[in-house]
Amino acid sequence: MLNNKPKPPRRPMHVKKGDKVVVMSGQYKSTEVREVLKVDAQAGRVIVQGVNLRWKHHKRSQQNPKGGRVQLEQPIDASKVLLFSAKLGKGTRTKVDRVEGKKVRVGVRCGTKFD
C-alpha cells in the first residue's frame, strides 16, 4: 500500500548552502568559521563542513577493491549555527527585511546584508 501521509511543513531556514557559519553549541562549538554544504528544510537540519564527523564503512566492490572506511559529515540541527558576520567577527542572528521588493537576510546587531 502506498504511504500517502502529508509531508511535514517546510521550516523557514536562516541559512543557505554556501553560507559561512559558526557552530554555537554541542561538541563542535567553536569560533571557527565553517561552510554549509547542504540544507534540509523539511527536517530543519544542515550539514556543515568538518562538523559531526562519523565513520562510514565501505564493502569491497569493483569501484573500491580495497574497501575501507571514510569520515563523512552528518546533519546537525539548524538552530545550532549562526551566520558569520565579518563586521562583528562572530555569529549573528538574522531578520528578514524587504529591499526593493526582495527579501534580504540582515544581521540583527551589525546590519550586514547576507544576500
PDB file of N, CA and C in Angstrom:
ATOM      1  N   MET A   1       0.835  -1.177   0.000  1.00  0.00           N
ATOM      2  CA  MET A   1       0.000   0.000   0.000  1.00  0.00           C
ATOM      3  C   MET A   1       0.881   1.242   0.000  1.00  0.00           C
ATOM      4  N   LEU A   2       0.453   2.261  -0.676  1.00  0.00           N
ATOM      5  CA  LEU A   2       1.220   3.494  -0.751  1.00  0.00           C
ATOM      6  C   LEU A   2       1.129   4.282   0.545  1.00  0.00           C
ATOM      7  N   ASN A   3       2.203   4.958   0.844  1.00  0.00           N
ATOM      8  CA  ASN A   3       2.234   5.790   2.039  1.00  0.00           C
ATOM      9  C   ASN A   3       1.852   7.207   1.621  1.00  0.00           C
ATOM     10  N   ASN A   4       0.619   7.605   1.873  1.00  0.00           N
ATOM     11  CA  ASN A   4       0.114   8.905   1.421  1.00  0.00           C
ATOM     12  C   ASN A   4       0.053   9.933   2.538  1.00  0.00           C
ATOM     13  N   LYS A   5       0.971   9.820   3.480  1.00  0.00           N
ATOM     14  CA  LYS A   5       0.996  10.805   4.552  1.00  0.00           C
ATOM     15  C   LYS A   5       1.471  12.139   3.998  1.00  0.00           C
ATOM     16  N   PRO A   6       0.893  13.228   4.455  1.00  0.00           N
ATOM     17  CA  PRO A   6       1.398  14.533   4.005  1.00  0.00           C
ATOM     18  C   PRO A   6       2.768  14.804   4.613  1.00  0.00           C
ATOM     19  N   LYS A   7       3.611  15.505   3.864  1.00  0.00           N
ATOM     20  CA  LYS A   7       4.935  15.851   4.359  1.00  0.00           C
ATOM     21  C   LYS A   7       4.803  16.902   5.454  1.00  0.00           C
ATOM     22  N   PRO A   8       5.728  16.901   6.401  1.00  0.00           N
ATOM     23  CA  PRO A   8       5.670  17.954   7.427  1.00  0.00           C
ATOM     24  C   PRO A   8       5.928  19.309   6.786  1.00  0.00           C
ATOM     25  N   PRO A   9       5.409  20.372   7.359  1.00  0.00           N
ATOM     26  CA  PRO A   9       5.599  21.685   6.743  1.00  0.00           C
ATOM     27  C   PRO A   9       7.060  22.073   6.708  1.00  0.00           C
ATOM     28  N   ARG A  10       7.439  22.797   5.674  1.00  0.00           N
ATOM     29  CA  ARG A  10       8.816  23.246   5.490  1.00  0.00           C
ATOM     30  C   ARG A  10       9.126  24.347   6.489  1.00  0.00           C
ATOM     31  N   ARG A  11      10.213  24.166   7.263  1.00  0.00           N
ATOM     32  CA  ARG A  11      10.599  25.176   8.248  1.00  0.00           C
ATOM     33  C   ARG A  11      11.353  26.300   7.560  1.00  0.00           C
ATOM     34  N   PRO A  12      11.082  27.544   7.900  1.00  0.00           N
ATOM     35  CA  PRO A  12      11.876  28.633   7.323  1.00  0.00           C
ATOM     36  C   PRO A  12      13.301  28.541   7.858  1.00  0.00           C
ATOM     37  N   MET A  13      14.264  28.652   6.956  1.00  0.00           N
ATOM     38  CA  MET A  13      15.664  28.482   7.340  1.00  0.00           C
ATOM     39  C   MET A  13      16.402  29.815   7.286  1.00  0.00           C
ATOM     40  N   HIS A  14      17.283  30.021   8.244  1.00  0.00           N
ATOM     41  CA  HIS A  14      18.073  31.250   8.287  1.00  0.00           C
ATOM     42  C   HIS A  14      19.425  31.084   7.596  1.00  0.00           C
ATOM     43  N   VAL A  15      19.730  29.871   7.124  1.00  0.00           N
ATOM     44  CA  VAL A  15      20.984  29.633   6.416  1.00  0.00           C
ATOM     45  C   VAL A  15      20.703  28.993   5.066  1.00  0.00           C
ATOM     46  N   LYS A  16      21.647  29.169   4.139  1.00  0.00           N
ATOM     47  CA  LYS A  16      21.554  28.580   2.811  1.00  0.00           C
ATOM     48  C   LYS A  16      22.851  27.866   2.501  1.00  0.00           C
ATOM     49  N   LYS A  17      22.834  27.037   1.487  1.00  0.00           N
ATOM     50  CA  LYS A  17      24.030  26.329   1.046  1.00  0.00           C
ATOM     51  C   LYS A  17      25.100  27.356   0.657  1.00  0.00           C
ATOM     52  N   GLY A  18      26.319  27.141   1.130  1.00  0.00           N
ATOM     53  CA  GLY A  18      27.419  28.040   0.805  1.00  0.00           C
ATOM     54  C   GLY A  18      27.651  29.150   1.810  1.00  0.00           C
ATOM     55  N   ASP A  19      26.749  29.325   2.777  1.00  0.00           N
ATOM     56  CA  ASP A  19      26.914  30.367   3.800  1.00  0.00           C
ATOM     57  C   ASP A  19      28.075  30.031   4.729  1.00  0.00           C
ATOM     58  N   LYS A  20      28.699  31.065   5.266  1.00  0.00           N
ATOM     59  CA  LYS A  20      29.731  30.909   6.288  1.00  0.00           C
ATOM     60  C   LYS A  20      29.035  30.995   7.646  1.00  0.00           C
ATOM     61  N   VAL A  21      29.229  29.969   8.487  1.00  0.00           N
ATOM     62  CA  VAL A  21      28.535  29.908   9.769  1.00  0.00           C
ATOM     63  C   VAL A  21      29.503  29.596  10.904  1.00  0.00           C
ATOM     64  N   VAL A  22      29.012  29.796  12.127  1.00  0.00           N
ATOM     65  CA  VAL A  22      29.727  29.441  13.353  1.00  0.00           C
ATOM     66  C   VAL A  22      28.821  28.498  14.136  1.00  0.00           C
ATOM     67  N   VAL A  23      29.380  27.378  14.612  1.00  0.00           N
ATOM     68  CA  VAL A  23      28.613  26.424  15.420  1.00  0.00           C
ATOM     69  C   VAL A  23      28.587  26.941  16.852  1.00  0.00           C
ATOM     70  N   MET A  24      27.373  27.120  17.404  1.00  0.00           N
ATOM     71  CA  MET A  24      27.212  27.775  18.701  1.00  0.00           C
ATOM     72  C   MET A  24      27.078  26.820  19.880  1.00  0.00           C
ATOM     73  N   SER A  25      26.735  25.553  19.648  1.00  0.00           N
ATOM     74  CA  SER A  25      26.564  24.638  20.777  1.00  0.00           C
ATOM     75  C   SER A  25      26.905  23.217  20.362  1.00  0.00           C
ATOM     76  N   GLY A  26      27.104  22.378  21.354  1.00  0.00           N
ATOM     77  CA  GLY A  26      27.403  20.979  21.095  1.00  0.00           C
ATOM     78  C   GLY A  26      28.893  20.699  21.083  1.00  0.00           C
ATOM     79  N   GLN A  27      29.250  19.497  20.666  1.00  0.00           N
ATOM     80  CA  GLN A  27      30.629  19.031  20.665  1.00  0.00           C
ATOM     81  C   GLN A  27      31.531  19.861  19.760  1.00  0.00           C
ATOM     82  N   TYR A  28      30.992  20.406  18.681  1.00  0.00           N
ATOM     83  CA  TYR A  28      31.783  21.139  17.702  1.00  0.00           C
ATOM     84  C   TYR A  28      31.696  22.654  17.882  1.00  0.00           C
ATOM     85  N   LYS A  29      31.271  23.099  19.053  1.00  0.00           N
ATOM     86  CA  LYS A  29      31.178  24.532  19.337  1.00  0.00           C
ATOM     87  C   LYS A  29      32.562  25.166  19.234  1.00  0.00           C
ATOM     88  N   SER A  30      32.658  26.255  18.475  1.00  0.00           N
ATOM     89  CA  SER A  30      33.923  26.981  18.364  1.00  0.00           C
ATOM     90  C   SER A  30      33.675  28.310  17.673  1.00  0.00           C
ATOM     91  N   THR A  31      34.714  29.111  17.604  1.00  0.00           N
ATOM     92  CA  THR A  31      34.621  30.387  16.890  1.00  0.00           C
ATOM     93  C   THR A  31      35.106  30.230  15.457  1.00  0.00           C
ATOM     94  N   GLU A  32      35.461  29.009  15.072  1.00  0.00           N
ATOM     95  CA  GLU A  32      35.959  28.748  13.725  1.00  0.00           C
ATOM     96  C   GLU A  32      34.832  28.885  12.701  1.00  0.00           C
ATOM     97  N   VAL A  33      35.133  29.559  11.596  1.00  0.00           N
ATOM     98  CA  VAL A  33      34.140  29.775  10.541  1.00  0.00           C
ATOM     99  C   VAL A  33      34.128  28.563   9.618  1.00  0.00           C
ATOM    100  N   ARG A  34      32.942  28.042   9.356  1.00  0.00           N
ATOM    101  CA  ARG A  34      32.786  26.858   8.503  1.00  0.00           C
ATOM    102  C   ARG A  34      31.736  27.127   7.442  1.00  0.00           C
ATOM    103  N   GLU A  35      31.660  26.249   6.442  1.00  0.00           N
ATOM    104  CA  GLU A  35      30.743  26.439   5.315  1.00  0.00           C
ATOM    105  C   GLU A  35      29.608  25.420   5.375  1.00  0.00           C
ATOM    106  N   VAL A  36      28.403  25.860   5.003  1.00  0.00           N
ATOM    107  CA  VAL A  36      27.245  24.973   4.935  1.00  0.00           C
ATOM    108  C   VAL A  36      27.304  24.222   3.610  1.00  0.00           C
ATOM    109  N   LEU A  37      27.277  22.881   3.686  1.00  0.00           N
ATOM    110  CA  LEU A  37      27.352  22.057   2.484  1.00  0.00           C
ATOM    111  C   LEU A  37      25.979  21.692   1.939  1.00  0.00           C
ATOM    112  N   LYS A  38      24.999  21.516   2.845  1.00  0.00           N
ATOM    113  CA  LYS A  38      23.665  21.084   2.423  1.00  0.00           C
ATOM    114  C   LYS A  38      22.649  21.520   3.466  1.00  0.00           C
ATOM    115  N   VAL A  39      21.439  21.847   3.020  1.00  0.00           N
ATOM    116  CA  VAL A  39      20.360  22.262   3.912  1.00  0.00           C
ATOM    117  C   VAL A  39      19.151  21.364   3.673  1.00  0.00           C
ATOM    118  N   ASP A  40      18.583  20.817   4.750  1.00  0.00           N
ATOM    119  CA  ASP A  40      17.357  20.030   4.679  1.00  0.00           C
ATOM    120  C   ASP A  40      16.270  20.803   5.413  1.00  0.00           C
ATOM    121  N   ALA A  41      15.470  21.554   4.664  1.00  0.00           N
ATOM    122  CA  ALA A  41      14.457  22.416   5.274  1.00  0.00           C
ATOM    123  C   ALA A  41      13.304  21.607   5.867  1.00  0.00           C
ATOM    124  N   GLN A  42      13.013  20.427   5.314  1.00  0.00           N
ATOM    125  CA  GLN A  42      11.928  19.596   5.852  1.00  0.00           C
ATOM    126  C   GLN A  42      12.238  19.185   7.293  1.00  0.00           C
ATOM    127  N   ALA A  43      13.483  18.763   7.523  1.00  0.00           N
ATOM    128  CA  ALA A  43      13.869  18.275   8.843  1.00  0.00           C
ATOM    129  C   ALA A  43      14.455  19.377   9.714  1.00  0.00           C
ATOM    130  N   GLY A  44      14.786  20.537   9.125  1.00  0.00           N
ATOM    131  CA  GLY A  44      15.376  21.628   9.881  1.00  0.00           C
ATOM    132  C   GLY A  44      16.818  21.349  10.273  1.00  0.00           C
ATOM    133  N   ARG A  45      17.553  20.666   9.380  1.00  0.00           N
ATOM    134  CA  ARG A  45      18.925  20.276   9.677  1.00  0.00           C
ATOM    135  C   ARG A  45      19.863  20.762   8.576  1.00  0.00           C
ATOM    136  N   VAL A  46      21.134  20.915   8.935  1.00  0.00           N
ATOM    137  CA  VAL A  46      22.149  21.354   7.977  1.00  0.00           C
ATOM    138  C   VAL A  46      23.387  20.471   8.113  1.00  0.00           C
ATOM    139  N   ILE A  47      24.120  20.340   7.006  1.00  0.00           N
ATOM    140  CA  ILE A  47      25.412  19.655   7.016  1.00  0.00           C
ATOM    141  C   ILE A  47      26.469  20.731   6.878  1.00  0.00           C
ATOM    142  N   VAL A  48      27.372  20.788   7.869  1.00  0.00           N
ATOM    143  CA  VAL A  48      28.406  21.814   7.923  1.00  0.00           C
ATOM    144  C   VAL A  48      29.762  21.132   7.755  1.00  0.00           C
ATOM    145  N   GLN A  49      30.630  21.754   6.971  1.00  0.00           N
ATOM    146  CA  GLN A  49      31.935  21.190   6.660  1.00  0.00           C
ATOM    147  C   GLN A  49      32.754  20.951   7.934  1.00  0.00           C
ATOM    148  N   GLY A  50      33.202  19.686   8.126  1.00  0.00           N
ATOM    149  CA  GLY A  50      34.054  19.338   9.252  1.00  0.00           C
ATOM    150  C   GLY A  50      33.350  19.215  10.587  1.00  0.00           C
ATOM    151  N   VAL A  51      32.008  19.155  10.596  1.00  0.00           N
ATOM    152  CA  VAL A  51      31.247  19.085  11.838  1.00  0.00           C
ATOM    153  C   VAL A  51      30.451  17.786  11.882  1.00  0.00           C
ATOM    154  N   ASN A  52      30.397  17.164  13.057  1.00  0.00           N
ATOM    155  CA  ASN A  52      29.645  15.932  13.292  1.00  0.00           C
ATOM    156  C   ASN A  52      30.131  14.808  12.375  1.00  0.00           C
ATOM    157  N   LEU A  53      31.440  14.551  12.409  1.00  0.00           N
ATOM    158  CA  LEU A  53      32.042  13.525  11.556  1.00  0.00           C
ATOM    159  C   LEU A  53      31.760  12.132  12.104  1.00  0.00           C
ATOM    160  N   ARG A  54      31.418  11.216  11.216  1.00  0.00           N
ATOM    161  CA  ARG A  54      31.176   9.824  11.556  1.00  0.00           C
ATOM    162  C   ARG A  54      31.914   8.950  10.544  1.00  0.00           C
ATOM    163  N   TRP A  55      32.325   7.755  10.977  1.00  0.00           N
ATOM    164  CA  TRP A  55      32.991   6.823  10.079  1.00  0.00           C
ATOM    165  C   TRP A  55      31.964   6.020   9.289  1.00  0.00           C
ATOM    166  N   LYS A  56      32.159   5.937   7.973  1.00  0.00           N
ATOM    167  CA  LYS A  56      31.304   5.136   7.082  1.00  0.00           C
ATOM    168  C   LYS A  56      32.159   3.989   6.560  1.00  0.00           C
ATOM    169  N   HIS A  57      31.730   2.768   6.785  1.00  0.00           N
ATOM    170  CA  HIS A  57      32.484   1.590   6.363  1.00  0.00           C
ATOM    171  C   HIS A  57      32.007   1.155   4.984  1.00  0.00           C
ATOM    172  N   HIS A  58      32.948   0.953   4.062  1.00  0.00           N
ATOM    173  CA  HIS A  58      32.624   0.549   2.691  1.00  0.00           C
ATOM    174  C   HIS A  58      33.052  -0.889   2.458  1.00  0.00           C
ATOM    175  N   LYS A  59      32.146  -1.681   1.877  1.00  0.00           N
ATOM    176  CA  LYS A  59      32.480  -3.042   1.499  1.00  0.00           C
ATOM    177  C   LYS A  59      33.360  -3.018   0.257  1.00  0.00           C
ATOM    178  N   ARG A  60      34.041  -4.085   0.003  1.00  0.00           N
ATOM    179  CA  ARG A  60      34.814  -4.193  -1.220  1.00  0.00           C
ATOM    180  C   ARG A  60      33.868  -4.253  -2.409  1.00  0.00           C
ATOM    181  N   SER A  61      34.267  -3.610  -3.496  1.00  0.00           N
ATOM    182  CA  SER A  61      33.466  -3.633  -4.722  1.00  0.00           C
ATOM    183  C   SER A  61      34.411  -3.417  -5.892  1.00  0.00           C
ATOM    184  N   GLN A  62      33.882  -3.453  -7.098  1.00  0.00           N
ATOM    185  CA  GLN A  62      34.732  -3.231  -8.265  1.00  0.00           C
ATOM    186  C   GLN A  62      35.235  -1.787  -8.307  1.00  0.00           C
ATOM    187  N   GLN A  63      34.408  -0.846  -7.876  1.00  0.00           N
ATOM    188  CA  GLN A  63      34.835   0.549  -7.852  1.00  0.00           C
ATOM    189  C   GLN A  63      35.821   0.803  -6.713  1.00  0.00           C
ATOM    190  N   ASN A  64      35.685   0.072  -5.611  1.00  0.00           N
ATOM    191  CA  ASN A  64      36.517   0.260  -4.429  1.00  0.00           C
ATOM    192  C   ASN A  64      37.059  -1.105  -4.002  1.00  0.00           C
ATOM    193  N   PRO A  65      38.109  -1.628  -4.690  1.00  0.00           N
ATOM    194  CA  PRO A  65      38.546  -3.008  -4.449  1.00  0.00           C
ATOM    195  C   PRO A  65      39.105  -3.258  -3.044  1.00  0.00           C
ATOM    196  N   LYS A  66      39.625  -2.244  -2.391  1.00  0.00           N
ATOM    197  CA  LYS A  66      40.184  -2.440  -1.056  1.00  0.00           C
ATOM    198  C   LYS A  66      39.143  -2.279   0.047  1.00  0.00           C
ATOM    199  N   GLY A  67      38.031  -1.635  -0.248  1.00  0.00           N
ATOM    200  CA  GLY A  67      37.070  -1.340   0.810  1.00  0.00           C
ATOM    201  C   GLY A  67      37.636  -0.239   1.688  1.00  0.00           C
ATOM    202  N   GLY A  68      37.319  -0.273   2.965  1.00  0.00           N
ATOM    203  CA  GLY A  68      37.889   0.707   3.879  1.00  0.00           C
ATOM    204  C   GLY A  68      36.827   1.507   4.589  1.00  0.00           C
ATOM    205  N   ARG A  69      37.267   2.627   5.192  1.00  0.00           N
ATOM    206  CA  ARG A  69      36.339   3.472   5.915  1.00  0.00           C
ATOM    207  C   ARG A  69      36.664   4.942   5.636  1.00  0.00           C
ATOM    208  N   VAL A  70      35.609   5.752   5.633  1.00  0.00           N
ATOM    209  CA  VAL A  70      35.711   7.159   5.268  1.00  0.00           C
ATOM    210  C   VAL A  70      34.972   7.973   6.322  1.00  0.00           C
ATOM    211  N   GLN A  71      35.497   9.167   6.630  1.00  0.00           N
ATOM    212  CA  GLN A  71      34.787  10.051   7.548  1.00  0.00           C
ATOM    213  C   GLN A  71      33.870  10.961   6.740  1.00  0.00           C
ATOM    214  N   LEU A  72      32.589  11.027   7.149  1.00  0.00           N
ATOM    215  CA  LEU A  72      31.600  11.856   6.470  1.00  0.00           C
ATOM    216  C   LEU A  72      30.926  12.780   7.478  1.00  0.00           C
ATOM    217  N   GLU A  73      30.535  13.974   6.990  1.00  0.00           N
ATOM    218  CA  GLU A  73      29.774  14.899   7.827  1.00  0.00           C
ATOM    219  C   GLU A  73      28.331  14.429   7.909  1.00  0.00           C
ATOM    220  N   GLN A  74      27.759  14.524   9.094  1.00  0.00           N
ATOM    221  CA  GLN A  74      26.365  14.178   9.313  1.00  0.00           C
ATOM    222  C   GLN A  74      25.596  15.449   9.685  1.00  0.00           C
ATOM    223  N   PRO A  75      24.272  15.461   9.476  1.00  0.00           N
ATOM    224  CA  PRO A  75      23.499  16.678   9.753  1.00  0.00           C
ATOM    225  C   PRO A  75      23.435  17.037  11.233  1.00  0.00           C
ATOM    226  N   ILE A  76      23.350  18.351  11.496  1.00  0.00           N
ATOM    227  CA  ILE A  76      23.082  18.859  12.834  1.00  0.00           C
ATOM    228  C   ILE A  76      21.876  19.787  12.735  1.00  0.00           C
ATOM    229  N   ASP A  77      21.269  20.097  13.868  1.00  0.00           N
ATOM    230  CA  ASP A  77      20.106  20.966  13.855  1.00  0.00           C
ATOM    231  C   ASP A  77      20.506  22.383  13.450  1.00  0.00           C
ATOM    232  N   ALA A  78      19.667  23.018  12.654  1.00  0.00           N
ATOM    233  CA  ALA A  78      19.965  24.359  12.152  1.00  0.00           C
ATOM    234  C   ALA A  78      20.013  25.401  13.260  1.00  0.00           C
ATOM    235  N   SER A  79      19.368  25.116  14.387  1.00  0.00           N
ATOM    236  CA  SER A  79      19.370  26.078  15.490  1.00  0.00           C
ATOM    237  C   SER A  79      20.734  26.183  16.163  1.00  0.00           C
ATOM    238  N   LYS A  80      21.644  25.268  15.865  1.00  0.00           N
ATOM    239  CA  LYS A  80      22.972  25.288  16.481  1.00  0.00           C
ATOM    240  C   LYS A  80      23.966  26.169  15.727  1.00  0.00           C
ATOM    241  N   VAL A  81      23.575  26.731  14.583  1.00  0.00           N
ATOM    242  CA  VAL A  81      24.511  27.544  13.810  1.00  0.00           C
ATOM    243  C   VAL A  81      23.980  28.963  13.640  1.00  0.00           C
ATOM    244  N   LEU A  82      24.914  29.919  13.566  1.00  0.00           N
ATOM    245  CA  LEU A  82      24.594  31.316  13.286  1.00  0.00           C
ATOM    246  C   LEU A  82      25.420  31.768  12.097  1.00  0.00           C
ATOM    247  N   LEU A  83      24.861  32.659  11.289  1.00  0.00           N
ATOM    248  CA  LEU A  83      25.609  33.229  10.177  1.00  0.00           C
ATOM    249  C   LEU A  83      26.782  34.041  10.710  1.00  0.00           C
ATOM    250  N   PHE A  84      27.923  33.942  10.040  1.00  0.00           N
ATOM    251  CA  PHE A  84      29.117  34.667  10.463  1.00  0.00           C
ATOM    252  C   PHE A  84      29.110  36.066   9.860  1.00  0.00           C
ATOM    253  N   SER A  85      29.297  37.060  10.708  1.00  0.00           N
ATOM    254  CA  SER A  85      29.372  38.448  10.272  1.00  0.00           C
ATOM    255  C   SER A  85      30.823  38.914  10.371  1.00  0.00           C
ATOM    256  N   ALA A  86      31.398  39.322   9.237  1.00  0.00           N
ATOM    257  CA  ALA A  86      32.776  39.802   9.227  1.00  0.00           C
ATOM    258  C   ALA A  86      32.890  41.119   9.991  1.00  0.00           C
ATOM    259  N   LYS A  87      31.817  41.896   9.983  1.00  0.00           N
ATOM    260  CA  LYS A  87      31.834  43.185  10.683  1.00  0.00           C
ATOM    261  C   LYS A  87      31.974  42.992  12.197  1.00  0.00           C
ATOM    262  N   LEU A  88      31.243  41.996  12.743  1.00  0.00           N
ATOM    263  CA  LEU A  88      31.320  41.708  14.173  1.00  0.00           C
ATOM    264  C   LEU A  88      32.465  40.763  14.515  1.00  0.00           C
ATOM    265  N   GLY A  89      32.834  39.923  13.555  1.00  0.00           N
ATOM    266  CA  GLY A  89      33.860  38.914  13.816  1.00  0.00           C
ATOM    267  C   GLY A  89      33.332  37.699  14.547  1.00  0.00           C
ATOM    268  N   LYS A  90      32.008  37.528  14.569  1.00  0.00           N
ATOM    269  CA  LYS A  90      31.389  36.379  15.223  1.00  0.00           C
ATOM    270  C   LYS A  90      30.021  36.127  14.587  1.00  0.00           C
ATOM    271  N   GLY A  91      29.294  35.135  15.118  1.00  0.00           N
ATOM    272  CA  GLY A  91      27.983  34.811  14.590  1.00  0.00           C
ATOM    273  C   GLY A  91      26.945  35.855  14.964  1.00  0.00           C
ATOM    274  N   THR A  92      25.927  35.997  14.108  1.00  0.00           N
ATOM    275  CA  THR A  92      24.862  36.955  14.390  1.00  0.00           C
ATOM    276  C   THR A  92      23.507  36.359  14.012  1.00  0.00           C
ATOM    277  N   ARG A  93      22.497  36.737  14.783  1.00  0.00           N
ATOM    278  CA  ARG A  93      21.133  36.363  14.438  1.00  0.00           C
ATOM    279  C   ARG A  93      20.711  37.192  13.230  1.00  0.00           C
ATOM    280  N   THR A  94      19.706  36.716  12.523  1.00  0.00           N
ATOM    281  CA  THR A  94      19.265  37.428  11.329  1.00  0.00           C
ATOM    282  C   THR A  94      17.772  37.703  11.365  1.00  0.00           C
ATOM    283  N   LYS A  95      17.398  38.719  10.631  1.00  0.00           N
ATOM    284  CA  LYS A  95      15.989  39.018  10.398  1.00  0.00           C
ATOM    285  C   LYS A  95      15.820  39.199   8.900  1.00  0.00           C
ATOM    286  N   VAL A  96      14.585  39.198   8.437  1.00  0.00           N
ATOM    287  CA  VAL A  96      14.320  39.346   7.010  1.00  0.00           C
ATOM    288  C   VAL A  96      13.712  40.721   6.769  1.00  0.00           C
ATOM    289  N   ASP A  97      14.355  41.511   5.929  1.00  0.00           N
ATOM    290  CA  ASP A  97      13.849  42.827   5.540  1.00  0.00           C
ATOM    291  C   ASP A  97      13.536  42.819   4.051  1.00  0.00           C
ATOM    292  N   ARG A  98      12.664  43.727   3.657  1.00  0.00           N
ATOM    293  CA  ARG A  98      12.368  43.887   2.230  1.00  0.00           C
ATOM    294  C   ARG A  98      13.175  45.060   1.696  1.00  0.00           C
ATOM    295  N   VAL A  99      13.981  44.787   0.659  1.00  0.00           N
ATOM    296  CA  VAL A  99      14.780  45.817  -0.003  1.00  0.00           C
ATOM    297  C   VAL A  99      14.441  45.760  -1.487  1.00  0.00           C
ATOM    298  N   GLU A 100      13.845  46.836  -1.990  1.00  0.00           N
ATOM    299  CA  GLU A 100      13.436  46.919  -3.402  1.00  0.00           C
ATOM    300  C   GLU A 100      12.533  45.754  -3.791  1.00  0.00           C
ATOM    301  N   GLY A 101      11.628  45.378  -2.908  1.00  0.00           N
ATOM    302  CA  GLY A 101      10.664  44.319  -3.200  1.00  0.00           C
ATOM    303  C   GLY A 101      11.200  42.907  -3.028  1.00  0.00           C
ATOM    304  N   LYS A 102      12.460  42.752  -2.606  1.00  0.00           N
ATOM    305  CA  LYS A 102      13.041  41.426  -2.413  1.00  0.00           C
ATOM    306  C   LYS A 102      13.320  41.203  -0.931  1.00  0.00           C
ATOM    307  N   LYS A 103      13.210  39.948  -0.501  1.00  0.00           N
ATOM    308  CA  LYS A 103      13.537  39.605   0.874  1.00  0.00           C
ATOM    309  C   LYS A 103      15.046  39.451   1.003  1.00  0.00           C
ATOM    310  N   VAL A 104      15.612  40.091   2.021  1.00  0.00           N
ATOM    311  CA  VAL A 104      17.046  40.056   2.251  1.00  0.00           C
ATOM    312  C   VAL A 104      17.305  39.727   3.716  1.00  0.00           C
ATOM    313  N   ARG A 105      18.243  38.809   3.972  1.00  0.00           N
ATOM    314  CA  ARG A 105      18.631  38.496   5.348  1.00  0.00           C
ATOM    315  C   ARG A 105      19.582  39.577   5.844  1.00  0.00           C
ATOM    316  N   VAL A 106      19.306  40.102   7.028  1.00  0.00           N
ATOM    317  CA  VAL A 106      20.095  41.189   7.594  1.00  0.00           C
ATOM    318  C   VAL A 106      20.493  40.807   9.013  1.00  0.00           C
ATOM    319  N   GLY A 107      21.757  41.048   9.388  1.00  0.00           N
ATOM    320  CA  GLY A 107      22.237  40.792  10.731  1.00  0.00           C
ATOM    321  C   GLY A 107      21.541  41.715  11.717  1.00  0.00           C
ATOM    322  N   VAL A 108      21.088  41.197  12.854  1.00  0.00           N
ATOM    323  CA  VAL A 108      20.346  41.987  13.826  1.00  0.00           C
ATOM    324  C   VAL A 108      21.230  43.049  14.466  1.00  0.00           C
ATOM    325  N   ARG A 109      22.417  42.683  14.915  1.00  0.00           N
ATOM    326  CA  ARG A 109      23.288  43.622  15.618  1.00  0.00           C
ATOM    327  C   ARG A 109      24.096  44.497  14.683  1.00  0.00           C
ATOM    328  N   CYS A 110      24.549  43.930  13.552  1.00  0.00           N
ATOM    329  CA  CYS A 110      25.508  44.663  12.713  1.00  0.00           C
ATOM    330  C   CYS A 110      24.884  45.307  11.487  1.00  0.00           C
ATOM    331  N   GLY A 111      23.725  44.816  11.050  1.00  0.00           N
ATOM    332  CA  GLY A 111      23.093  45.370   9.859  1.00  0.00           C
ATOM    333  C   GLY A 111      23.676  44.855   8.551  1.00  0.00           C
ATOM    334  N   THR A 112      24.561  43.837   8.601  1.00  0.00           N
ATOM    335  CA  THR A 112      25.157  43.268   7.414  1.00  0.00           C
ATOM    336  C   THR A 112      24.095  42.566   6.571  1.00  0.00           C
ATOM    337  N   LYS A 113      24.103  42.808   5.253  1.00  0.00           N
ATOM    338  CA  LYS A 113      23.183  42.125   4.348  1.00  0.00           C
ATOM    339  C   LYS A 113      23.862  40.876   3.806  1.00  0.00           C
ATOM    340  N   PHE A 114      23.185  39.744   3.928  1.00  0.00           N
ATOM    341  CA  PHE A 114      23.786  38.462   3.557  1.00  0.00           C
ATOM    342  C   PHE A 114      23.370  37.973   2.182  1.00  0.00           C
ATOM    343  N   ASP A 115      22.452  38.641   1.497  1.00  0.00           N
ATOM    344  CA  ASP A 115      22.036  38.183   0.170  1.00  0.00           C
ATOM    345  C   ASP A 115      22.468  39.162  -0.903  1.00  0.00           C
TER     346      ASP A 115
END
